[in-house]
């Protein structure tokens, strides 16, 4: 398992997370993967508010444990799954939606895996960092508290 200290845990604000899921048009029955899911807020929101099944992949054990506690507290264990591991080593082919809040450099390394594993029509939503070489279907700016967040929506062709 490779640890990526260059990607610090910075939680996506709830309003930005909600807008990411809205832009991706997440609906009941969709499978949402969050790569580097942190405290699990996006996957929990996807299940609770959008009716999706959700899978979070997180390399930090403390964050995985935090996610699991919250999933159990909310009774979402039948809709939300956490994988303690490296998202470069997890098969993403069942995803309908993939959410990212990584760095452009990590997105660049991830792009060949996404190209290989994601089906046409899969929506990929990236918070603040683009995926070079892909053309976004939509870019939206959201002002939250003290700064503007950029959301990139991509659809796999």
N, C-alpha and C. Protein backbone atom coordinates (compact mmCIF):
# COMPACT_ATOMS: atom_id res chain seq x y z
N UNK A 1 0.85 -1.17 0.00
CA UNK A 1 0.00 0.00 0.00
C UNK A 1 0.90 1.24 0.00
N UNK A 2 0.67 2.12 -0.94
CA UNK A 2 1.46 3.35 -1.03
C UNK A 2 0.72 4.47 -0.33
N UNK A 3 1.44 5.22 0.48
CA UNK A 3 0.83 6.36 1.16
C UNK A 3 1.17 7.61 0.36
N UNK A 4 0.21 8.51 0.22
CA UNK A 4 0.42 9.73 -0.58
C UNK A 4 0.41 10.96 0.32
N UNK A 5 1.54 11.22 0.99
CA UNK A 5 1.56 12.36 1.89
C UNK A 5 1.38 13.69 1.15
N UNK A 6 1.56 13.68 -0.16
CA UNK A 6 1.39 14.91 -0.92
C UNK A 6 -0.08 15.29 -1.08
N UNK A 7 -1.00 14.39 -0.68
CA UNK A 7 -2.43 14.70 -0.70
C UNK A 7 -2.90 14.74 0.75
N UNK A 8 -2.93 15.94 1.33
CA UNK A 8 -3.35 16.04 2.73
C UNK A 8 -4.86 15.83 2.84
N UNK A 9 -5.33 15.48 4.03
CA UNK A 9 -6.77 15.37 4.25
C UNK A 9 -7.32 16.76 4.48
N UNK A 10 -8.05 17.26 3.49
CA UNK A 10 -8.76 18.53 3.59
C UNK A 10 -10.20 18.21 3.20
N UNK A 11 -11.13 18.25 4.14
CA UNK A 11 -12.49 17.86 3.81
C UNK A 11 -13.15 18.83 2.83
N UNK A 12 -13.91 18.28 1.91
CA UNK A 12 -14.71 19.08 0.99
C UNK A 12 -15.87 19.66 1.80
N UNK A 13 -16.10 20.97 1.71
CA UNK A 13 -17.26 21.54 2.42
C UNK A 13 -18.55 20.84 1.98
N UNK A 14 -19.49 20.69 2.91
CA UNK A 14 -20.73 19.97 2.61
C UNK A 14 -21.47 20.56 1.41
N UNK A 15 -21.51 21.88 1.30
CA UNK A 15 -22.23 22.50 0.17
C UNK A 15 -21.56 22.15 -1.16
N UNK A 16 -20.25 22.05 -1.17
CA UNK A 16 -19.52 21.69 -2.39
C UNK A 16 -19.74 20.21 -2.70
N UNK A 17 -19.69 19.36 -1.67
CA UNK A 17 -19.93 17.92 -1.86
C UNK A 17 -21.32 17.69 -2.47
N UNK A 18 -22.32 18.37 -1.92
CA UNK A 18 -23.70 18.23 -2.42
C UNK A 18 -23.78 18.65 -3.89
N UNK A 19 -23.12 19.76 -4.22
CA UNK A 19 -23.16 20.26 -5.60
C UNK A 19 -22.43 19.30 -6.54
N UNK A 20 -21.35 18.67 -6.07
CA UNK A 20 -20.65 17.68 -6.89
C UNK A 20 -21.60 16.54 -7.25
N UNK A 21 -22.34 16.06 -6.27
CA UNK A 21 -23.28 14.95 -6.49
C UNK A 21 -24.44 15.39 -7.38
N UNK A 22 -24.90 16.62 -7.21
CA UNK A 22 -25.97 17.15 -8.07
C UNK A 22 -25.49 17.27 -9.52
N UNK A 23 -24.30 17.83 -9.72
CA UNK A 23 -23.76 17.97 -11.08
C UNK A 23 -23.61 16.62 -11.77
N UNK A 24 -23.25 15.60 -10.99
CA UNK A 24 -23.10 14.25 -11.54
C UNK A 24 -24.45 13.57 -11.72
N UNK A 25 -25.52 14.24 -11.31
CA UNK A 25 -26.88 13.71 -11.43
C UNK A 25 -27.01 12.33 -10.79
N UNK A 26 -26.47 12.21 -9.57
CA UNK A 26 -26.55 10.96 -8.82
C UNK A 26 -28.01 10.67 -8.51
N UNK A 27 -28.39 9.43 -8.76
CA UNK A 27 -29.79 9.02 -8.52
C UNK A 27 -29.81 7.68 -7.80
N UNK A 28 -30.98 7.31 -7.25
CA UNK A 28 -31.07 6.02 -6.55
C UNK A 28 -30.60 4.89 -7.46
N UNK A 29 -29.81 3.99 -6.88
CA UNK A 29 -29.29 2.86 -7.65
C UNK A 29 -27.91 3.10 -8.24
N UNK A 30 -27.49 4.36 -8.37
CA UNK A 30 -26.13 4.64 -8.85
C UNK A 30 -25.12 4.12 -7.84
N UNK A 31 -23.92 3.78 -8.34
CA UNK A 31 -22.81 3.39 -7.48
C UNK A 31 -21.78 4.52 -7.55
N UNK A 32 -21.54 5.14 -6.39
CA UNK A 32 -20.62 6.27 -6.29
C UNK A 32 -19.36 5.82 -5.59
N UNK A 33 -18.21 6.06 -6.21
CA UNK A 33 -16.91 5.79 -5.59
C UNK A 33 -16.26 7.13 -5.25
N UNK A 34 -15.74 7.24 -4.04
CA UNK A 34 -14.96 8.42 -3.65
C UNK A 34 -13.55 7.96 -3.37
N UNK A 35 -12.62 8.45 -4.17
CA UNK A 35 -11.22 8.03 -4.06
C UNK A 35 -10.50 8.95 -3.07
N UNK A 36 -10.07 8.36 -1.97
CA UNK A 36 -9.50 9.15 -0.89
C UNK A 36 -10.66 9.79 -0.14
N UNK A 37 -11.53 8.96 0.43
CA UNK A 37 -12.82 9.44 0.95
C UNK A 37 -12.73 10.20 2.27
N UNK A 38 -11.54 10.26 2.89
CA UNK A 38 -11.40 11.05 4.11
C UNK A 38 -12.37 10.62 5.19
N UNK A 39 -13.18 11.56 5.66
CA UNK A 39 -14.14 11.26 6.75
C UNK A 39 -15.44 10.65 6.23
N UNK A 40 -15.54 10.43 4.92
CA UNK A 40 -16.69 9.74 4.36
C UNK A 40 -17.88 10.62 4.04
N UNK A 41 -17.72 11.93 4.14
CA UNK A 41 -18.89 12.80 3.98
C UNK A 41 -19.56 12.68 2.61
N UNK A 42 -18.78 12.49 1.54
CA UNK A 42 -19.39 12.41 0.20
C UNK A 42 -20.16 11.11 0.03
N UNK A 43 -19.57 10.00 0.45
CA UNK A 43 -20.27 8.71 0.27
C UNK A 43 -21.49 8.61 1.19
N UNK A 44 -21.39 9.16 2.39
CA UNK A 44 -22.54 9.17 3.29
C UNK A 44 -23.66 10.02 2.71
N UNK A 45 -23.31 11.19 2.19
CA UNK A 45 -24.30 12.07 1.57
C UNK A 45 -24.92 11.41 0.34
N UNK A 46 -24.10 10.73 -0.47
CA UNK A 46 -24.60 10.06 -1.68
C UNK A 46 -25.66 9.02 -1.32
N UNK A 47 -25.43 8.29 -0.23
CA UNK A 47 -26.37 7.25 0.19
C UNK A 47 -27.60 7.87 0.85
N UNK A 48 -27.36 8.79 1.78
CA UNK A 48 -28.44 9.34 2.60
C UNK A 48 -29.36 10.27 1.81
N UNK A 49 -28.79 11.16 1.01
CA UNK A 49 -29.59 12.19 0.34
C UNK A 49 -29.95 11.85 -1.10
N UNK A 50 -29.15 10.98 -1.75
CA UNK A 50 -29.36 10.71 -3.18
C UNK A 50 -29.79 9.27 -3.45
N UNK A 51 -29.78 8.42 -2.42
CA UNK A 51 -30.23 7.04 -2.57
C UNK A 51 -29.26 6.13 -3.30
N UNK A 52 -28.01 6.56 -3.43
CA UNK A 52 -27.00 5.76 -4.14
C UNK A 52 -26.41 4.71 -3.21
N UNK A 53 -25.74 3.72 -3.82
CA UNK A 53 -24.84 2.85 -3.07
C UNK A 53 -23.48 3.54 -3.20
N UNK A 54 -22.68 3.49 -2.17
CA UNK A 54 -21.43 4.24 -2.22
C UNK A 54 -20.27 3.43 -1.66
N UNK A 55 -19.11 3.66 -2.26
CA UNK A 55 -17.88 2.98 -1.86
C UNK A 55 -16.80 4.05 -1.67
N UNK A 56 -16.22 4.05 -0.50
CA UNK A 56 -15.12 4.97 -0.23
C UNK A 56 -13.83 4.19 -0.12
N UNK A 57 -12.79 4.75 -0.69
CA UNK A 57 -11.46 4.11 -0.59
C UNK A 57 -10.56 5.11 0.13
N UNK A 58 -9.98 4.65 1.23
CA UNK A 58 -9.16 5.54 2.06
C UNK A 58 -7.95 4.77 2.56
N UNK A 59 -6.79 5.39 2.47
CA UNK A 59 -5.53 4.75 2.86
C UNK A 59 -5.21 4.91 4.35
N UNK A 60 -5.74 5.98 4.96
CA UNK A 60 -5.45 6.25 6.38
C UNK A 60 -6.41 5.48 7.28
N UNK A 61 -5.84 4.63 8.13
CA UNK A 61 -6.63 3.78 9.03
C UNK A 61 -7.51 4.61 9.97
N UNK A 62 -7.00 5.72 10.50
CA UNK A 62 -7.79 6.53 11.43
C UNK A 62 -9.03 7.10 10.75
N UNK A 63 -8.90 7.49 9.49
CA UNK A 63 -10.06 8.02 8.76
C UNK A 63 -11.05 6.91 8.40
N UNK A 64 -10.53 5.73 8.07
CA UNK A 64 -11.40 4.57 7.79
C UNK A 64 -12.24 4.27 9.03
N UNK A 65 -11.60 4.26 10.19
CA UNK A 65 -12.32 3.97 11.44
C UNK A 65 -13.36 5.05 11.74
N UNK A 66 -13.02 6.30 11.47
CA UNK A 66 -13.96 7.41 11.67
C UNK A 66 -15.18 7.23 10.74
N UNK A 67 -14.93 6.88 9.48
CA UNK A 67 -16.01 6.63 8.51
C UNK A 67 -16.91 5.50 9.00
N UNK A 68 -16.30 4.41 9.39
CA UNK A 68 -17.08 3.24 9.83
C UNK A 68 -17.98 3.58 11.01
N UNK A 69 -17.47 4.34 11.96
CA UNK A 69 -18.28 4.74 13.12
C UNK A 69 -19.50 5.54 12.67
N UNK A 70 -19.30 6.46 11.75
CA UNK A 70 -20.40 7.32 11.29
C UNK A 70 -21.41 6.51 10.47
N UNK A 71 -20.93 5.61 9.64
CA UNK A 71 -21.81 4.75 8.83
C UNK A 71 -22.69 3.89 9.75
N UNK A 72 -22.09 3.32 10.78
CA UNK A 72 -22.85 2.51 11.74
C UNK A 72 -23.83 3.37 12.52
N UNK A 73 -23.40 4.54 12.95
CA UNK A 73 -24.27 5.45 13.72
C UNK A 73 -25.52 5.80 12.91
N UNK A 74 -25.34 5.99 11.59
CA UNK A 74 -26.46 6.38 10.73
C UNK A 74 -27.22 5.18 10.17
N UNK A 75 -26.74 3.97 10.44
CA UNK A 75 -27.41 2.77 9.95
C UNK A 75 -27.32 2.61 8.43
N UNK A 76 -26.21 3.03 7.86
CA UNK A 76 -26.04 3.00 6.40
C UNK A 76 -25.16 1.84 5.92
N UNK A 77 -24.86 0.88 6.79
CA UNK A 77 -23.92 -0.17 6.42
C UNK A 77 -24.38 -1.02 5.24
N UNK A 78 -25.67 -1.02 4.92
CA UNK A 78 -26.14 -1.76 3.74
C UNK A 78 -25.99 -0.95 2.46
N UNK A 79 -25.68 0.35 2.57
CA UNK A 79 -25.57 1.21 1.39
C UNK A 79 -24.18 1.78 1.17
N UNK A 80 -23.35 1.78 2.22
CA UNK A 80 -22.03 2.41 2.15
C UNK A 80 -20.96 1.42 2.57
N UNK A 81 -19.92 1.32 1.76
CA UNK A 81 -18.81 0.39 2.03
C UNK A 81 -17.51 1.21 2.05
N UNK A 82 -16.64 0.87 2.98
CA UNK A 82 -15.32 1.52 3.05
C UNK A 82 -14.27 0.47 2.77
N UNK A 83 -13.34 0.82 1.90
CA UNK A 83 -12.19 -0.05 1.62
C UNK A 83 -10.96 0.64 2.18
N UNK A 84 -10.28 -0.03 3.10
CA UNK A 84 -9.01 0.50 3.62
C UNK A 84 -7.94 0.05 2.65
N UNK A 85 -7.51 0.96 1.79
CA UNK A 85 -6.50 0.59 0.80
C UNK A 85 -6.14 1.73 -0.11
N UNK A 86 -5.40 1.38 -1.13
CA UNK A 86 -4.85 2.30 -2.12
C UNK A 86 -5.78 2.28 -3.34
N UNK A 87 -6.34 3.42 -3.69
CA UNK A 87 -7.30 3.44 -4.81
C UNK A 87 -6.67 3.05 -6.14
N UNK A 88 -5.35 3.10 -6.24
CA UNK A 88 -4.69 2.64 -7.47
C UNK A 88 -4.79 1.12 -7.61
N UNK A 89 -5.10 0.43 -6.50
CA UNK A 89 -5.15 -1.04 -6.50
C UNK A 89 -6.57 -1.59 -6.42
N UNK A 90 -7.58 -0.72 -6.47
CA UNK A 90 -8.97 -1.15 -6.35
C UNK A 90 -9.66 -1.02 -7.71
N UNK A 91 -10.39 -2.06 -8.09
CA UNK A 91 -11.14 -2.06 -9.35
C UNK A 91 -12.29 -1.07 -9.26
N UNK A 92 -12.36 -0.14 -10.20
CA UNK A 92 -13.39 0.91 -10.20
C UNK A 92 -14.48 0.66 -11.22
N UNK A 93 -14.48 -0.50 -11.87
CA UNK A 93 -15.34 -0.71 -13.04
C UNK A 93 -16.84 -0.70 -12.74
N UNK A 94 -17.26 -0.89 -11.48
CA UNK A 94 -18.69 -0.87 -11.20
C UNK A 94 -19.22 0.54 -10.93
N UNK A 95 -18.34 1.54 -10.93
CA UNK A 95 -18.75 2.91 -10.62
C UNK A 95 -19.61 3.53 -11.73
N UNK A 96 -20.65 4.21 -11.29
CA UNK A 96 -21.42 5.08 -12.18
C UNK A 96 -20.92 6.51 -12.05
N UNK A 97 -20.42 6.84 -10.85
CA UNK A 97 -19.90 8.17 -10.54
C UNK A 97 -18.63 7.99 -9.71
N UNK A 98 -17.59 8.78 -10.03
CA UNK A 98 -16.36 8.79 -9.24
C UNK A 98 -16.13 10.23 -8.79
N UNK A 99 -15.90 10.42 -7.48
CA UNK A 99 -15.59 11.76 -6.98
C UNK A 99 -14.13 11.80 -6.53
N UNK A 100 -13.52 12.96 -6.75
CA UNK A 100 -12.10 13.16 -6.46
C UNK A 100 -11.88 14.51 -5.79
N UNK A 101 -11.00 14.54 -4.80
CA UNK A 101 -10.45 15.80 -4.30
C UNK A 101 -8.99 15.50 -4.04
N UNK A 102 -8.27 15.37 -5.14
CA UNK A 102 -6.86 15.01 -5.10
C UNK A 102 -6.08 16.19 -5.65
N UNK A 103 -4.88 15.99 -6.09
CA UNK A 103 -4.09 17.05 -6.72
C UNK A 103 -4.02 16.75 -8.21
N UNK A 104 -3.76 17.77 -9.02
CA UNK A 104 -3.66 17.57 -10.47
C UNK A 104 -2.63 16.50 -10.79
N UNK A 105 -1.51 16.47 -10.07
CA UNK A 105 -0.46 15.48 -10.32
C UNK A 105 -0.96 14.06 -10.04
N UNK A 106 -1.79 13.88 -9.01
CA UNK A 106 -2.33 12.56 -8.69
C UNK A 106 -3.41 12.20 -9.73
N UNK A 107 -4.23 13.18 -10.11
CA UNK A 107 -5.22 12.94 -11.16
C UNK A 107 -4.55 12.48 -12.45
N UNK A 108 -3.40 13.08 -12.76
CA UNK A 108 -2.65 12.69 -13.97
C UNK A 108 -2.21 11.23 -13.90
N UNK A 109 -1.72 10.81 -12.73
CA UNK A 109 -1.30 9.41 -12.55
C UNK A 109 -2.50 8.47 -12.58
N UNK A 110 -3.65 8.96 -12.14
CA UNK A 110 -4.87 8.17 -12.05
C UNK A 110 -5.57 8.03 -13.41
N UNK A 111 -5.37 8.98 -14.29
CA UNK A 111 -6.07 9.03 -15.58
C UNK A 111 -6.00 7.73 -16.38
N UNK A 112 -4.83 7.10 -16.56
CA UNK A 112 -4.80 5.84 -17.32
C UNK A 112 -5.68 4.75 -16.70
N UNK A 113 -5.74 4.69 -15.36
CA UNK A 113 -6.58 3.72 -14.66
C UNK A 113 -8.05 4.03 -14.93
N UNK A 114 -8.42 5.29 -14.86
CA UNK A 114 -9.80 5.69 -15.14
C UNK A 114 -10.17 5.35 -16.58
N UNK A 115 -9.26 5.66 -17.52
CA UNK A 115 -9.49 5.34 -18.94
C UNK A 115 -9.71 3.85 -19.15
N UNK A 116 -8.96 3.04 -18.43
CA UNK A 116 -9.02 1.58 -18.56
C UNK A 116 -10.28 0.98 -17.93
N UNK A 117 -10.64 1.46 -16.75
CA UNK A 117 -11.64 0.77 -15.95
C UNK A 117 -13.06 1.34 -16.01
N UNK A 118 -13.21 2.61 -16.33
CA UNK A 118 -14.55 3.20 -16.28
C UNK A 118 -15.29 2.98 -17.59
N UNK A 119 -16.58 2.68 -17.47
CA UNK A 119 -17.44 2.45 -18.63
C UNK A 119 -17.86 3.79 -19.25
N UNK A 120 -18.19 3.78 -20.55
CA UNK A 120 -18.74 4.99 -21.17
C UNK A 120 -19.99 5.44 -20.39
N UNK A 121 -20.09 6.74 -20.18
CA UNK A 121 -21.22 7.30 -19.45
C UNK A 121 -20.95 7.52 -17.97
N UNK A 122 -19.84 6.95 -17.47
CA UNK A 122 -19.49 7.17 -16.06
C UNK A 122 -19.15 8.65 -15.87
N UNK A 123 -19.71 9.22 -14.79
CA UNK A 123 -19.44 10.63 -14.49
C UNK A 123 -18.31 10.73 -13.48
N UNK A 124 -17.36 11.60 -13.74
CA UNK A 124 -16.23 11.83 -12.84
C UNK A 124 -16.29 13.30 -12.43
N UNK A 125 -16.33 13.53 -11.12
CA UNK A 125 -16.43 14.90 -10.62
C UNK A 125 -15.21 15.17 -9.75
N UNK A 126 -14.46 16.20 -10.13
CA UNK A 126 -13.24 16.54 -9.40
C UNK A 126 -13.38 17.91 -8.76
N UNK A 127 -13.06 17.97 -7.49
CA UNK A 127 -13.10 19.22 -6.72
C UNK A 127 -11.74 19.91 -6.85
N UNK A 128 -11.74 21.07 -7.43
CA UNK A 128 -10.59 21.98 -7.54
C UNK A 128 -9.48 21.58 -8.51
N UNK A 129 -9.32 20.31 -8.82
CA UNK A 129 -8.18 19.90 -9.65
C UNK A 129 -8.65 19.20 -10.91
N UNK A 130 -8.19 19.69 -12.05
CA UNK A 130 -8.64 19.12 -13.33
C UNK A 130 -7.93 17.80 -13.63
N UNK A 131 -8.47 17.10 -14.62
CA UNK A 131 -7.83 15.91 -15.15
C UNK A 131 -7.31 16.30 -16.52
N UNK A 132 -6.01 16.55 -16.59
CA UNK A 132 -5.41 17.01 -17.85
C UNK A 132 -5.62 15.99 -18.95
N UNK A 133 -6.00 16.48 -20.13
CA UNK A 133 -6.23 15.60 -21.26
C UNK A 133 -7.70 15.22 -21.42
N UNK A 134 -8.50 15.46 -20.40
CA UNK A 134 -9.95 15.24 -20.51
C UNK A 134 -10.62 16.60 -20.66
N UNK A 135 -11.70 16.64 -21.42
CA UNK A 135 -12.45 17.88 -21.59
C UNK A 135 -13.68 17.83 -20.69
N UNK A 136 -13.78 18.78 -19.75
CA UNK A 136 -14.93 18.75 -18.85
C UNK A 136 -16.22 19.10 -19.59
N UNK A 137 -17.31 18.44 -19.19
CA UNK A 137 -18.64 18.76 -19.73
C UNK A 137 -19.14 20.05 -19.10
N UNK A 138 -18.68 20.28 -17.86
CA UNK A 138 -19.11 21.47 -17.14
C UNK A 138 -18.06 21.83 -16.11
N UNK A 139 -17.87 23.13 -15.90
CA UNK A 139 -17.01 23.63 -14.82
C UNK A 139 -17.87 24.63 -14.05
N UNK A 140 -17.92 24.47 -12.75
CA UNK A 140 -18.74 25.37 -11.95
C UNK A 140 -17.92 25.90 -10.78
N UNK A 141 -18.07 27.18 -10.50
CA UNK A 141 -17.43 27.79 -9.34
C UNK A 141 -18.46 27.95 -8.24
N UNK A 142 -18.07 27.59 -7.02
CA UNK A 142 -18.94 27.73 -5.87
C UNK A 142 -18.19 28.51 -4.81
N UNK A 143 -18.79 29.58 -4.35
CA UNK A 143 -18.18 30.34 -3.27
C UNK A 143 -18.67 29.76 -1.95
N UNK A 144 -17.74 29.38 -1.08
CA UNK A 144 -18.10 28.82 0.21
C UNK A 144 -17.24 29.48 1.27
N UNK A 145 -17.85 30.17 2.19
CA UNK A 145 -17.19 30.87 3.27
C UNK A 145 -16.10 31.79 2.75
N UNK A 146 -14.89 31.37 2.78
CA UNK A 146 -13.79 32.27 2.50
C UNK A 146 -13.11 32.06 1.16
N UNK A 147 -13.60 31.11 0.34
CA UNK A 147 -12.92 30.91 -0.94
C UNK A 147 -13.85 30.31 -1.99
N UNK A 148 -13.39 30.39 -3.22
CA UNK A 148 -14.13 29.80 -4.33
C UNK A 148 -13.59 28.41 -4.61
N UNK A 149 -14.51 27.47 -4.80
CA UNK A 149 -14.17 26.09 -5.14
C UNK A 149 -14.57 25.87 -6.59
N UNK A 150 -13.78 25.11 -7.31
CA UNK A 150 -14.08 24.80 -8.70
C UNK A 150 -14.44 23.33 -8.79
N UNK A 151 -15.53 23.03 -9.49
CA UNK A 151 -15.95 21.65 -9.69
C UNK A 151 -15.88 21.34 -11.18
N UNK A 152 -15.18 20.27 -11.51
CA UNK A 152 -15.07 19.80 -12.90
C UNK A 152 -15.92 18.56 -13.06
N UNK A 153 -16.83 18.56 -14.03
CA UNK A 153 -17.62 17.37 -14.35
C UNK A 153 -17.15 16.81 -15.68
N UNK A 154 -16.78 15.54 -15.66
CA UNK A 154 -16.36 14.83 -16.87
C UNK A 154 -17.31 13.66 -17.08
N UNK A 155 -17.53 13.28 -18.33
CA UNK A 155 -18.30 12.09 -18.64
C UNK A 155 -17.43 11.22 -19.55
N UNK A 156 -17.20 9.98 -19.12
CA UNK A 156 -16.35 9.06 -19.89
C UNK A 156 -17.04 8.73 -21.21
N UNK A 157 -16.27 8.81 -22.28
CA UNK A 157 -16.83 8.53 -23.62
C UNK A 157 -16.57 7.10 -24.03
